[in-house]
Amino acid sequence: MPRSVNHVASRARRKKILGLTRGNFGGRANVWTVAKNTWEKGLQYAYRDRKNKKRTFRALWIQRINAAARLEGLSYSQLMGALKKANIEINRKVLADLAMNQPKAFQAIVAKVKK
């Protein structure tokens, strides 16, 4: 008796991954083994970069706060220390947003901290 193999399911599985690698260059898009490796590596990069995204954004916020603080005559570390001492709890994301989009509000916070 011949061996029964579910070709429909195997083909569907391959087709799904080949669809996910669409847009890649050359064999990375349409050669099964290469496309599979590309897709798996892409998942690894996606996992890693979901973690890296958080630290990248934090670094960006710190740079923006530092630039705005220096216009007010303080460094980033002096500003953050003064905020802590004044018991003003505001996170870096919001502080950076204020520095970029509402400089008057940022200046008001710095003025309150400087007193």
PDB file of N, CA and C in Angstrom:
ATOM      1  N   MET A   1       0.848  -1.188   0.000  1.00  0.00           N
ATOM      2  CA  MET A   1       0.000   0.000   0.000  1.00  0.00           C
ATOM      3  C   MET A   1       0.893   1.252   0.000  1.00  0.00           C
ATOM      4  N   PRO A   2       0.611   2.189  -0.889  1.00  0.00           N
ATOM      5  CA  PRO A   2       1.451   3.391  -0.954  1.00  0.00           C
ATOM      6  C   PRO A   2       1.270   4.278   0.278  1.00  0.00           C
ATOM      7  N   ARG A   3       2.332   5.027   0.553  1.00  0.00           N
ATOM      8  CA  ARG A   3       2.317   5.917   1.711  1.00  0.00           C
ATOM      9  C   ARG A   3       1.397   7.103   1.420  1.00  0.00           C
ATOM     10  N   SER A   4       0.593   7.459   2.398  1.00  0.00           N
ATOM     11  CA  SER A   4      -0.325   8.587   2.233  1.00  0.00           C
ATOM     12  C   SER A   4       0.309   9.843   2.833  1.00  0.00           C
ATOM     13  N   VAL A   5       0.460  10.874   2.022  1.00  0.00           N
ATOM     14  CA  VAL A   5       1.065  12.124   2.474  1.00  0.00           C
ATOM     15  C   VAL A   5       0.072  13.255   2.212  1.00  0.00           C
ATOM     16  N   ASN A   6      -0.103  14.117   3.154  1.00  0.00           N
ATOM     17  CA  ASN A   6      -1.057  15.213   3.001  1.00  0.00           C
ATOM     18  C   ASN A   6      -0.390  16.379   2.263  1.00  0.00           C
ATOM     19  N   HIS A   7      -0.359  16.284   0.940  1.00  0.00           N
ATOM     20  CA  HIS A   7       0.290  17.315   0.121  1.00  0.00           C
ATOM     21  C   HIS A   7      -0.401  18.663   0.223  1.00  0.00           C
ATOM     22  N   VAL A   8      -1.697  18.645   0.415  1.00  0.00           N
ATOM     23  CA  VAL A   8      -2.455  19.894   0.493  1.00  0.00           C
ATOM     24  C   VAL A   8      -1.965  20.731   1.678  1.00  0.00           C
ATOM     25  N   ALA A   9      -1.834  20.093   2.832  1.00  0.00           N
ATOM     26  CA  ALA A   9      -1.403  20.808   4.030  1.00  0.00           C
ATOM     27  C   ALA A   9       0.050  21.272   3.919  1.00  0.00           C
ATOM     28  N   SER A  10       0.929  20.415   3.371  1.00  0.00           N
ATOM     29  CA  SER A  10       2.348  20.772   3.226  1.00  0.00           C
ATOM     30  C   SER A  10       2.491  21.979   2.310  1.00  0.00           C
ATOM     31  N   ARG A  11       1.774  21.943   1.204  1.00  0.00           N
ATOM     32  CA  ARG A  11       1.842  23.033   0.229  1.00  0.00           C
ATOM     33  C   ARG A  11       1.304  24.325   0.840  1.00  0.00           C
ATOM     34  N   ALA A  12       0.217  24.211   1.597  1.00  0.00           N
ATOM     35  CA  ALA A  12      -0.380  25.389   2.231  1.00  0.00           C
ATOM     36  C   ALA A  12       0.601  26.010   3.224  1.00  0.00           C
ATOM     37  N   ARG A  13       1.301  25.152   3.973  1.00  0.00           N
ATOM     38  CA  ARG A  13       2.274  25.621   4.958  1.00  0.00           C
ATOM     39  C   ARG A  13       3.402  26.391   4.262  1.00  0.00           C
ATOM     40  N   ARG A  14       3.895  25.809   3.162  1.00  0.00           N
ATOM     41  CA  ARG A  14       4.977  26.460   2.414  1.00  0.00           C
ATOM     42  C   ARG A  14       4.503  27.768   1.800  1.00  0.00           C
ATOM     43  N   LYS A  15       3.298  27.726   1.253  1.00  0.00           N
ATOM     44  CA  LYS A  15       2.747  28.895   0.574  1.00  0.00           C
ATOM     45  C   LYS A  15       2.563  30.057   1.560  1.00  0.00           C
ATOM     46  N   LYS A  16       2.177  29.727   2.788  1.00  0.00           N
ATOM     47  CA  LYS A  16       1.977  30.746   3.816  1.00  0.00           C
ATOM     48  C   LYS A  16       3.299  31.474   4.095  1.00  0.00           C
ATOM     49  N   ILE A  17       4.379  30.721   4.269  1.00  0.00           N
ATOM     50  CA  ILE A  17       5.681  31.329   4.577  1.00  0.00           C
ATOM     51  C   ILE A  17       6.230  32.069   3.361  1.00  0.00           C
ATOM     52  N   LEU A  18       6.031  31.523   2.167  1.00  0.00           N
ATOM     53  CA  LEU A  18       6.473  32.226   0.961  1.00  0.00           C
ATOM     54  C   LEU A  18       5.708  33.542   0.798  1.00  0.00           C
ATOM     55  N   GLY A  19       4.470  33.564   1.244  1.00  0.00           N
ATOM     56  CA  GLY A  19       3.690  34.806   1.222  1.00  0.00           C
ATOM     57  C   GLY A  19       4.244  35.828   2.207  1.00  0.00           C
ATOM     58  N   LEU A  20       4.715  35.334   3.356  1.00  0.00           N
ATOM     59  CA  LEU A  20       5.263  36.232   4.378  1.00  0.00           C
ATOM     60  C   LEU A  20       6.614  36.820   3.975  1.00  0.00           C
ATOM     61  N   THR A  21       7.333  36.132   3.069  1.00  0.00           N
ATOM     62  CA  THR A  21       8.641  36.642   2.638  1.00  0.00           C
ATOM     63  C   THR A  21       8.531  37.416   1.322  1.00  0.00           C
ATOM     64  N   ARG A  22       7.321  37.663   0.870  1.00  0.00           N
ATOM     65  CA  ARG A  22       7.126  38.422  -0.361  1.00  0.00           C
ATOM     66  C   ARG A  22       7.775  39.798  -0.216  1.00  0.00           C
ATOM     67  N   GLY A  23       8.462  40.262  -1.232  1.00  0.00           N
ATOM     68  CA  GLY A  23       9.108  41.562  -1.169  1.00  0.00           C
ATOM     69  C   GLY A  23      10.591  41.469  -0.875  1.00  0.00           C
ATOM     70  N   ASN A  24      11.057  40.289  -0.452  1.00  0.00           N
ATOM     71  CA  ASN A  24      12.496  40.110  -0.247  1.00  0.00           C
ATOM     72  C   ASN A  24      13.176  39.952  -1.603  1.00  0.00           C
ATOM     73  N   PHE A  25      14.501  40.117  -1.615  1.00  0.00           N
ATOM     74  CA  PHE A  25      15.254  40.097  -2.864  1.00  0.00           C
ATOM     75  C   PHE A  25      15.586  38.662  -3.296  1.00  0.00           C
ATOM     76  N   GLY A  26      15.370  38.382  -4.545  1.00  0.00           N
ATOM     77  CA  GLY A  26      15.815  37.125  -5.157  1.00  0.00           C
ATOM     78  C   GLY A  26      15.256  35.885  -4.489  1.00  0.00           C
ATOM     79  N   GLY A  27      16.147  34.934  -4.226  1.00  0.00           N
ATOM     80  CA  GLY A  27      15.752  33.643  -3.681  1.00  0.00           C
ATOM     81  C   GLY A  27      15.173  33.725  -2.286  1.00  0.00           C
ATOM     82  N   ARG A  28      15.449  34.817  -1.589  1.00  0.00           N
ATOM     83  CA  ARG A  28      14.911  34.981  -0.234  1.00  0.00           C
ATOM     84  C   ARG A  28      13.388  35.050  -0.250  1.00  0.00           C
ATOM     85  N   ALA A  29      12.813  35.345  -1.412  1.00  0.00           N
ATOM     86  CA  ALA A  29      11.354  35.444  -1.521  1.00  0.00           C
ATOM     87  C   ALA A  29      10.721  34.174  -2.061  1.00  0.00           C
ATOM     88  N   ASN A  30      11.454  33.401  -2.891  1.00  0.00           N
ATOM     89  CA  ASN A  30      10.754  32.308  -3.569  1.00  0.00           C
ATOM     90  C   ASN A  30      11.432  30.935  -3.530  1.00  0.00           C
ATOM     91  N   VAL A  31      12.602  30.818  -2.923  1.00  0.00           N
ATOM     92  CA  VAL A  31      13.212  29.498  -2.738  1.00  0.00           C
ATOM     93  C   VAL A  31      12.851  29.034  -1.330  1.00  0.00           C
ATOM     94  N   TRP A  32      12.208  27.900  -1.222  1.00  0.00           N
ATOM     95  CA  TRP A  32      11.614  27.474   0.049  1.00  0.00           C
ATOM     96  C   TRP A  32      12.588  27.512   1.217  1.00  0.00           C
ATOM     97  N   THR A  33      13.746  26.860   1.120  1.00  0.00           N
ATOM     98  CA  THR A  33      14.647  26.761   2.272  1.00  0.00           C
ATOM     99  C   THR A  33      15.213  28.128   2.642  1.00  0.00           C
ATOM    100  N   VAL A  34      15.555  28.922   1.644  1.00  0.00           N
ATOM    101  CA  VAL A  34      16.110  30.263   1.898  1.00  0.00           C
ATOM    102  C   VAL A  34      15.023  31.156   2.502  1.00  0.00           C
ATOM    103  N   ALA A  35      13.815  31.091   1.941  1.00  0.00           N
ATOM    104  CA  ALA A  35      12.699  31.911   2.427  1.00  0.00           C
ATOM    105  C   ALA A  35      12.359  31.550   3.871  1.00  0.00           C
ATOM    106  N   LYS A  36      12.401  30.256   4.186  1.00  0.00           N
ATOM    107  CA  LYS A  36      12.097  29.813   5.545  1.00  0.00           C
ATOM    108  C   LYS A  36      13.114  30.376   6.531  1.00  0.00           C
ATOM    109  N   ASN A  37      14.408  30.317   6.155  1.00  0.00           N
ATOM    110  CA  ASN A  37      15.462  30.869   7.015  1.00  0.00           C
ATOM    111  C   ASN A  37      15.301  32.376   7.185  1.00  0.00           C
ATOM    112  N   THR A  38      14.968  33.057   6.102  1.00  0.00           N
ATOM    113  CA  THR A  38      14.748  34.507   6.140  1.00  0.00           C
ATOM    114  C   THR A  38      13.623  34.854   7.099  1.00  0.00           C
ATOM    115  N   TRP A  39      12.528  34.106   6.993  1.00  0.00           N
ATOM    116  CA  TRP A  39      11.353  34.346   7.831  1.00  0.00           C
ATOM    117  C   TRP A  39      11.671  34.106   9.301  1.00  0.00           C
ATOM    118  N   GLU A  40      12.388  33.002   9.593  1.00  0.00           N
ATOM    119  CA  GLU A  40      12.741  32.693  10.986  1.00  0.00           C
ATOM    120  C   GLU A  40      13.666  33.768  11.570  1.00  0.00           C
ATOM    121  N   LYS A  41      14.640  34.206  10.773  1.00  0.00           N
ATOM    122  CA  LYS A  41      15.567  35.232  11.230  1.00  0.00           C
ATOM    123  C   LYS A  41      14.819  36.550  11.457  1.00  0.00           C
ATOM    124  N   GLY A  42      13.841  36.808  10.600  1.00  0.00           N
ATOM    125  CA  GLY A  42      13.014  38.009  10.751  1.00  0.00           C
ATOM    126  C   GLY A  42      12.261  38.008  12.070  1.00  0.00           C
ATOM    127  N   LEU A  43      11.775  36.833  12.471  1.00  0.00           N
ATOM    128  CA  LEU A  43      11.086  36.725  13.760  1.00  0.00           C
ATOM    129  C   LEU A  43      12.048  36.998  14.914  1.00  0.00           C
ATOM    130  N   GLN A  44      13.298  36.543  14.789  1.00  0.00           N
ATOM    131  CA  GLN A  44      14.304  36.794  15.831  1.00  0.00           C
ATOM    132  C   GLN A  44      14.586  38.293  15.945  1.00  0.00           C
ATOM    133  N   TYR A  45      14.745  38.940  14.785  1.00  0.00           N
ATOM    134  CA  TYR A  45      14.998  40.384  14.785  1.00  0.00           C
ATOM    135  C   TYR A  45      13.817  41.135  15.400  1.00  0.00           C
ATOM    136  N   ALA A  46      12.594  40.711  15.066  1.00  0.00           N
ATOM    137  CA  ALA A  46      11.402  41.377  15.581  1.00  0.00           C
ATOM    138  C   ALA A  46      11.340  41.266  17.095  1.00  0.00           C
ATOM    139  N   TYR A  47      11.646  40.086  17.630  1.00  0.00           N
ATOM    140  CA  TYR A  47      11.635  39.885  19.087  1.00  0.00           C
ATOM    141  C   TYR A  47      12.675  40.774  19.746  1.00  0.00           C
ATOM    142  N   ARG A  48      13.903  40.748  19.206  1.00  0.00           N
ATOM    143  CA  ARG A  48      15.000  41.546  19.770  1.00  0.00           C
ATOM    144  C   ARG A  48      14.660  43.040  19.729  1.00  0.00           C
ATOM    145  N   ASP A  49      14.126  43.489  18.592  1.00  0.00           N
ATOM    146  CA  ASP A  49      13.915  44.919  18.414  1.00  0.00           C
ATOM    147  C   ASP A  49      12.695  45.447  19.153  1.00  0.00           C
ATOM    148  N   ARG A  50      11.789  44.567  19.558  1.00  0.00           N
ATOM    149  CA  ARG A  50      10.711  45.030  20.441  1.00  0.00           C
ATOM    150  C   ARG A  50      11.291  45.454  21.779  1.00  0.00           C
ATOM    151  N   LYS A  51      12.372  44.800  22.198  1.00  0.00           N
ATOM    152  CA  LYS A  51      13.057  45.180  23.440  1.00  0.00           C
ATOM    153  C   LYS A  51      13.898  46.445  23.209  1.00  0.00           C
ATOM    154  N   ASN A  52      14.624  46.484  22.093  1.00  0.00           N
ATOM    155  CA  ASN A  52      15.509  47.619  21.803  1.00  0.00           C
ATOM    156  C   ASN A  52      14.742  48.923  21.592  1.00  0.00           C
ATOM    157  N   LYS A  53      13.513  48.808  21.098  1.00  0.00           N
ATOM    158  CA  LYS A  53      12.693  49.989  20.823  1.00  0.00           C
ATOM    159  C   LYS A  53      12.504  50.819  22.088  1.00  0.00           C
ATOM    160  N   LYS A  54      12.326  50.151  23.207  1.00  0.00           N
ATOM    161  CA  LYS A  54      12.090  50.829  24.474  1.00  0.00           C
ATOM    162  C   LYS A  54      13.309  51.654  24.885  1.00  0.00           C
ATOM    163  N   ARG A  55      14.510  51.055  24.764  1.00  0.00           N
ATOM    164  CA  ARG A  55      15.696  51.806  25.172  1.00  0.00           C
ATOM    165  C   ARG A  55      16.035  52.906  24.178  1.00  0.00           C
ATOM    166  N   THR A  56      15.715  52.690  22.902  1.00  0.00           N
ATOM    167  CA  THR A  56      15.968  53.718  21.890  1.00  0.00           C
ATOM    168  C   THR A  56      15.108  54.947  22.159  1.00  0.00           C
ATOM    169  N   PHE A  57      13.831  54.723  22.478  1.00  0.00           N
ATOM    170  CA  PHE A  57      12.943  55.845  22.750  1.00  0.00           C
ATOM    171  C   PHE A  57      13.341  56.570  24.028  1.00  0.00           C
ATOM    172  N   ARG A  58      13.745  55.830  25.053  1.00  0.00           N
ATOM    173  CA  ARG A  58      14.183  56.477  26.291  1.00  0.00           C
ATOM    174  C   ARG A  58      15.385  57.376  26.019  1.00  0.00           C
ATOM    175  N   ALA A  59      16.326  56.894  25.211  1.00  0.00           N
ATOM    176  CA  ALA A  59      17.509  57.694  24.858  1.00  0.00           C
ATOM    177  C   ALA A  59      17.097  58.958  24.104  1.00  0.00           C
ATOM    178  N   LEU A  60      16.129  58.839  23.218  1.00  0.00           N
ATOM    179  CA  LEU A  60      15.640  59.999  22.458  1.00  0.00           C
ATOM    180  C   LEU A  60      14.998  61.027  23.387  1.00  0.00           C
ATOM    181  N   TRP A  61      14.175  60.552  24.335  1.00  0.00           N
ATOM    182  CA  TRP A  61      13.530  61.471  25.277  1.00  0.00           C
ATOM    183  C   TRP A  61      14.577  62.214  26.097  1.00  0.00           C
ATOM    184  N   ILE A  62      15.603  61.488  26.546  1.00  0.00           N
ATOM    185  CA  ILE A  62      16.654  62.106  27.368  1.00  0.00           C
ATOM    186  C   ILE A  62      17.384  63.180  26.568  1.00  0.00           C
ATOM    187  N   GLN A  63      17.672  62.918  25.291  1.00  0.00           N
ATOM    188  CA  GLN A  63      18.345  63.912  24.448  1.00  0.00           C
ATOM    189  C   GLN A  63      17.485  65.154  24.284  1.00  0.00           C
ATOM    190  N   ARG A  64      16.192  64.974  24.097  1.00  0.00           N
ATOM    191  CA  ARG A  64      15.286  66.118  23.917  1.00  0.00           C
ATOM    192  C   ARG A  64      15.173  66.929  25.200  1.00  0.00           C
ATOM    193  N   ILE A  65      15.060  66.242  26.323  1.00  0.00           N
ATOM    194  CA  ILE A  65      14.973  66.945  27.609  1.00  0.00           C
ATOM    195  C   ILE A  65      16.262  67.706  27.871  1.00  0.00           C
ATOM    196  N   ASN A  66      17.398  67.091  27.600  1.00  0.00           N
ATOM    197  CA  ASN A  66      18.700  67.717  27.805  1.00  0.00           C
ATOM    198  C   ASN A  66      18.835  68.983  26.967  1.00  0.00           C
ATOM    199  N   ALA A  67      18.431  68.906  25.698  1.00  0.00           N
ATOM    200  CA  ALA A  67      18.534  70.064  24.803  1.00  0.00           C
ATOM    201  C   ALA A  67      17.664  71.210  25.316  1.00  0.00           C
ATOM    202  N   ALA A  68      16.447  70.895  25.744  1.00  0.00           N
ATOM    203  CA  ALA A  68      15.537  71.934  26.236  1.00  0.00           C
ATOM    204  C   ALA A  68      16.014  72.491  27.578  1.00  0.00           C
ATOM    205  N   ALA A  69      16.551  71.619  28.424  1.00  0.00           N
ATOM    206  CA  ALA A  69      17.031  72.052  29.745  1.00  0.00           C
ATOM    207  C   ALA A  69      18.223  72.990  29.597  1.00  0.00           C
ATOM    208  N   ARG A  70      19.094  72.714  28.655  1.00  0.00           N
ATOM    209  CA  ARG A  70      20.274  73.559  28.443  1.00  0.00           C
ATOM    210  C   ARG A  70      19.894  74.953  27.975  1.00  0.00           C
ATOM    211  N   LEU A  71      18.769  75.071  27.247  1.00  0.00           N
ATOM    212  CA  LEU A  71      18.274  76.397  26.875  1.00  0.00           C
ATOM    213  C   LEU A  71      17.829  77.183  28.109  1.00  0.00           C
ATOM    214  N   GLU A  72      17.473  76.474  29.163  1.00  0.00           N
ATOM    215  CA  GLU A  72      17.045  77.097  30.424  1.00  0.00           C
ATOM    216  C   GLU A  72      18.200  77.232  31.415  1.00  0.00           C
ATOM    217  N   GLY A  73      19.395  76.824  31.009  1.00  0.00           N
ATOM    218  CA  GLY A  73      20.563  76.988  31.869  1.00  0.00           C
ATOM    219  C   GLY A  73      20.823  75.833  32.828  1.00  0.00           C
ATOM    220  N   LEU A  74      20.222  74.693  32.576  1.00  0.00           N
ATOM    221  CA  LEU A  74      20.449  73.500  33.401  1.00  0.00           C
ATOM    222  C   LEU A  74      20.916  72.356  32.510  1.00  0.00           C
ATOM    223  N   SER A  75      21.597  71.393  33.103  1.00  0.00           N
ATOM    224  CA  SER A  75      21.892  70.162  32.366  1.00  0.00           C
ATOM    225  C   SER A  75      20.769  69.176  32.660  1.00  0.00           C
ATOM    226  N   TYR A  76      20.767  68.066  31.924  1.00  0.00           N
ATOM    227  CA  TYR A  76      19.739  67.041  32.120  1.00  0.00           C
ATOM    228  C   TYR A  76      19.764  66.511  33.548  1.00  0.00           C
ATOM    229  N   SER A  77      20.967  66.187  34.029  1.00  0.00           N
ATOM    230  CA  SER A  77      21.067  65.574  35.362  1.00  0.00           C
ATOM    231  C   SER A  77      20.654  66.560  36.455  1.00  0.00           C
ATOM    232  N   GLN A  78      21.010  67.832  36.274  1.00  0.00           N
ATOM    233  CA  GLN A  78      20.599  68.847  37.259  1.00  0.00           C
ATOM    234  C   GLN A  78      19.079  68.984  37.285  1.00  0.00           C
ATOM    235  N   LEU A  79      18.476  68.989  36.105  1.00  0.00           N
ATOM    236  CA  LEU A  79      17.016  69.109  36.013  1.00  0.00           C
ATOM    237  C   LEU A  79      16.324  67.920  36.668  1.00  0.00           C
ATOM    238  N   MET A  80      16.783  66.701  36.364  1.00  0.00           N
ATOM    239  CA  MET A  80      16.143  65.513  36.924  1.00  0.00           C
ATOM    240  C   MET A  80      16.324  65.457  38.436  1.00  0.00           C
ATOM    241  N   GLY A  81      17.492  65.876  38.917  1.00  0.00           N
ATOM    242  CA  GLY A  81      17.733  65.932  40.364  1.00  0.00           C
ATOM    243  C   GLY A  81      16.825  66.936  41.038  1.00  0.00           C
ATOM    244  N   ALA A  82      16.669  68.102  40.403  1.00  0.00           N
ATOM    245  CA  ALA A  82      15.803  69.149  40.960  1.00  0.00           C
ATOM    246  C   ALA A  82      14.338  68.724  40.951  1.00  0.00           C
ATOM    247  N   LEU A  83      13.923  68.023  39.906  1.00  0.00           N
ATOM    248  CA  LEU A  83      12.538  67.521  39.839  1.00  0.00           C
ATOM    249  C   LEU A  83      12.270  66.542  40.985  1.00  0.00           C
ATOM    250  N   LYS A  84      13.244  65.684  41.245  1.00  0.00           N
ATOM    251  CA  LYS A  84      13.105  64.698  42.320  1.00  0.00           C
ATOM    252  C   LYS A  84      13.026  65.395  43.677  1.00  0.00           C
ATOM    253  N   LYS A  85      13.897  66.389  43.851  1.00  0.00           N
ATOM    254  CA  LYS A  85      13.946  67.124  45.113  1.00  0.00           C
ATOM    255  C   LYS A  85      12.654  67.908  45.354  1.00  0.00           C
ATOM    256  N   ALA A  86      12.062  68.431  44.267  1.00  0.00           N
ATOM    257  CA  ALA A  86      10.822  69.202  44.370  1.00  0.00           C
ATOM    258  C   ALA A  86       9.584  68.307  44.398  1.00  0.00           C
ATOM    259  N   ASN A  87       9.787  66.988  44.408  1.00  0.00           N
ATOM    260  CA  ASN A  87       8.688  66.005  44.409  1.00  0.00           C
ATOM    261  C   ASN A  87       7.729  66.173  43.225  1.00  0.00           C
ATOM    262  N   ILE A  88       8.295  66.505  42.080  1.00  0.00           N
ATOM    263  CA  ILE A  88       7.493  66.586  40.856  1.00  0.00           C
ATOM    264  C   ILE A  88       7.689  65.277  40.110  1.00  0.00           C
ATOM    265  N   GLU A  89       6.633  64.472  40.074  1.00  0.00           N
ATOM    266  CA  GLU A  89       6.712  63.172  39.402  1.00  0.00           C
ATOM    267  C   GLU A  89       6.151  63.303  37.994  1.00  0.00           C
ATOM    268  N   ILE A  90       7.050  63.417  37.046  1.00  0.00           N
ATOM    269  CA  ILE A  90       6.657  63.489  35.638  1.00  0.00           C
ATOM    270  C   ILE A  90       7.645  62.619  34.871  1.00  0.00           C
ATOM    271  N   ASN A  91       7.118  61.744  34.030  1.00  0.00           N
ATOM    272  CA  ASN A  91       8.030  60.809  33.350  1.00  0.00           C
ATOM    273  C   ASN A  91       8.716  61.471  32.156  1.00  0.00           C
ATOM    274  N   ARG A  92       9.757  60.813  31.674  1.00  0.00           N
ATOM    275  CA  ARG A  92      10.597  61.381  30.622  1.00  0.00           C
ATOM    276  C   ARG A  92       9.835  61.540  29.314  1.00  0.00           C
ATOM    277  N   LYS A  93       8.915  60.633  29.043  1.00  0.00           N
ATOM    278  CA  LYS A  93       8.143  60.700  27.802  1.00  0.00           C
ATOM    279  C   LYS A  93       7.327  61.993  27.748  1.00  0.00           C
ATOM    280  N   VAL A  94       6.636  62.290  28.830  1.00  0.00           N
ATOM    281  CA  VAL A  94       5.797  63.488  28.889  1.00  0.00           C
ATOM    282  C   VAL A  94       6.664  64.739  28.902  1.00  0.00           C
ATOM    283  N   LEU A  95       7.758  64.692  29.660  1.00  0.00           N
ATOM    284  CA  LEU A  95       8.663  65.837  29.751  1.00  0.00           C
ATOM    285  C   LEU A  95       9.261  66.160  28.380  1.00  0.00           C
ATOM    286  N   ALA A  96       9.658  65.148  27.640  1.00  0.00           N
ATOM    287  CA  ALA A  96      10.209  65.344  26.298  1.00  0.00           C
ATOM    288  C   ALA A  96       9.153  65.906  25.354  1.00  0.00           C
ATOM    289  N   ASP A  97       7.910  65.426  25.493  1.00  0.00           N
ATOM    290  CA  ASP A  97       6.820  65.927  24.661  1.00  0.00           C
ATOM    291  C   ASP A  97       6.565  67.405  24.946  1.00  0.00           C
ATOM    292  N   LEU A  98       6.582  67.768  26.230  1.00  0.00           N
ATOM    293  CA  LEU A  98       6.408  69.181  26.594  1.00  0.00           C
ATOM    294  C   LEU A  98       7.551  70.024  26.028  1.00  0.00           C
ATOM    295  N   ALA A  99       8.765  69.533  26.134  1.00  0.00           N
ATOM    296  CA  ALA A  99       9.934  70.263  25.641  1.00  0.00           C
ATOM    297  C   ALA A  99       9.835  70.520  24.145  1.00  0.00           C
ATOM    298  N   MET A 100       9.310  69.546  23.415  1.00  0.00           N
ATOM    299  CA  MET A 100       9.217  69.679  21.952  1.00  0.00           C
ATOM    300  C   MET A 100       8.006  70.514  21.527  1.00  0.00           C
ATOM    301  N   ASN A 101       6.843  70.215  22.081  1.00  0.00           N
ATOM    302  CA  ASN A 101       5.592  70.772  21.555  1.00  0.00           C
ATOM    303  C   ASN A 101       5.023  71.936  22.355  1.00  0.00           C
ATOM    304  N   GLN A 102       5.359  72.037  23.653  1.00  0.00           N
ATOM    305  CA  GLN A 102       4.867  73.147  24.471  1.00  0.00           C
ATOM    306  C   GLN A 102       6.000  73.714  25.314  1.00  0.00           C
ATOM    307  N   PRO A 103       6.886  74.483  24.671  1.00  0.00           N
ATOM    308  CA  PRO A 103       8.053  75.003  25.392  1.00  0.00           C
ATOM    309  C   PRO A 103       7.685  75.884  26.583  1.00  0.00           C
ATOM    310  N   LYS A 104       6.553  76.578  26.503  1.00  0.00           N
ATOM    311  CA  LYS A 104       6.120  77.444  27.625  1.00  0.00           C
ATOM    312  C   LYS A 104       5.834  76.603  28.873  1.00  0.00           C
ATOM    313  N   ALA A 105       5.177  75.471  28.681  1.00  0.00           N
ATOM    314  CA  ALA A 105       4.874  74.581  29.804  1.00  0.00           C
ATOM    315  C   ALA A 105       6.161  74.012  30.387  1.00  0.00           C
ATOM    316  N   PHE A 106       7.105  73.654  29.511  1.00  0.00           N
ATOM    317  CA  PHE A 106       8.399  73.145  29.976  1.00  0.00           C
ATOM    318  C   PHE A 106       9.137  74.214  30.772  1.00  0.00           C
ATOM    319  N   GLN A 107       9.104  75.459  30.282  1.00  0.00           N
ATOM    320  CA  GLN A 107       9.754  76.575  30.990  1.00  0.00           C
ATOM    321  C   GLN A 107       9.121  76.786  32.359  1.00  0.00           C
ATOM    322  N   ALA A 108       7.797  76.607  32.439  1.00  0.00           N
ATOM    323  CA  ALA A 108       7.096  76.772  33.718  1.00  0.00           C
ATOM    324  C   ALA A 108       7.563  75.704  34.725  1.00  0.00           C
ATOM    325  N   ILE A 109       7.741  74.497  34.256  1.00  0.00           N
ATOM    326  CA  ILE A 109       8.220  73.410  35.124  1.00  0.00           C
ATOM    327  C   ILE A 109       9.635  73.715  35.611  1.00  0.00           C
ATOM    328  N   VAL A 110      10.481  74.167  34.684  1.00  0.00           N
ATOM    329  CA  VAL A 110      11.877  74.493  35.048  1.00  0.00           C
ATOM    330  C   VAL A 110      11.910  75.650  36.042  1.00  0.00           C
ATOM    331  N   ALA A 111      11.046  76.658  35.826  1.00  0.00           N
ATOM    332  CA  ALA A 111      10.998  77.799  36.734  1.00  0.00           C
ATOM    333  C   ALA A 111      10.572  77.367  38.134  1.00  0.00           C
ATOM    334  N   LYS A 112       9.605  76.458  38.203  1.00  0.00           N
ATOM    335  CA  LYS A 112       9.134  75.946  39.503  1.00  0.00           C
ATOM    336  C   LYS A 112      10.245  75.182  40.213  1.00  0.00           C
ATOM    337  N   VAL A 113      11.036  74.454  39.455  1.00  0.00           N
ATOM    338  CA  VAL A 113      12.122  73.646  40.007  1.00  0.00           C
ATOM    339  C   VAL A 113      13.282  74.530  40.478  1.00  0.00           C
ATOM    340  N   LYS A 114      13.532  75.626  39.754  1.00  0.00           N
ATOM    341  CA  LYS A 114      14.672  76.499  40.068  1.00  0.00           C
ATOM    342  C   LYS A 114      14.494  77.248  41.387  1.00  0.00           C
ATOM    343  N   LYS A 115      13.237  77.489  41.795  1.00  0.00           N
ATOM    344  CA  LYS A 115      12.985  78.236  43.043  1.00  0.00           C
ATOM    345  C   LYS A 115      13.519  77.521  44.249  1.00  0.00           C
TER     346      LYS A 115
END
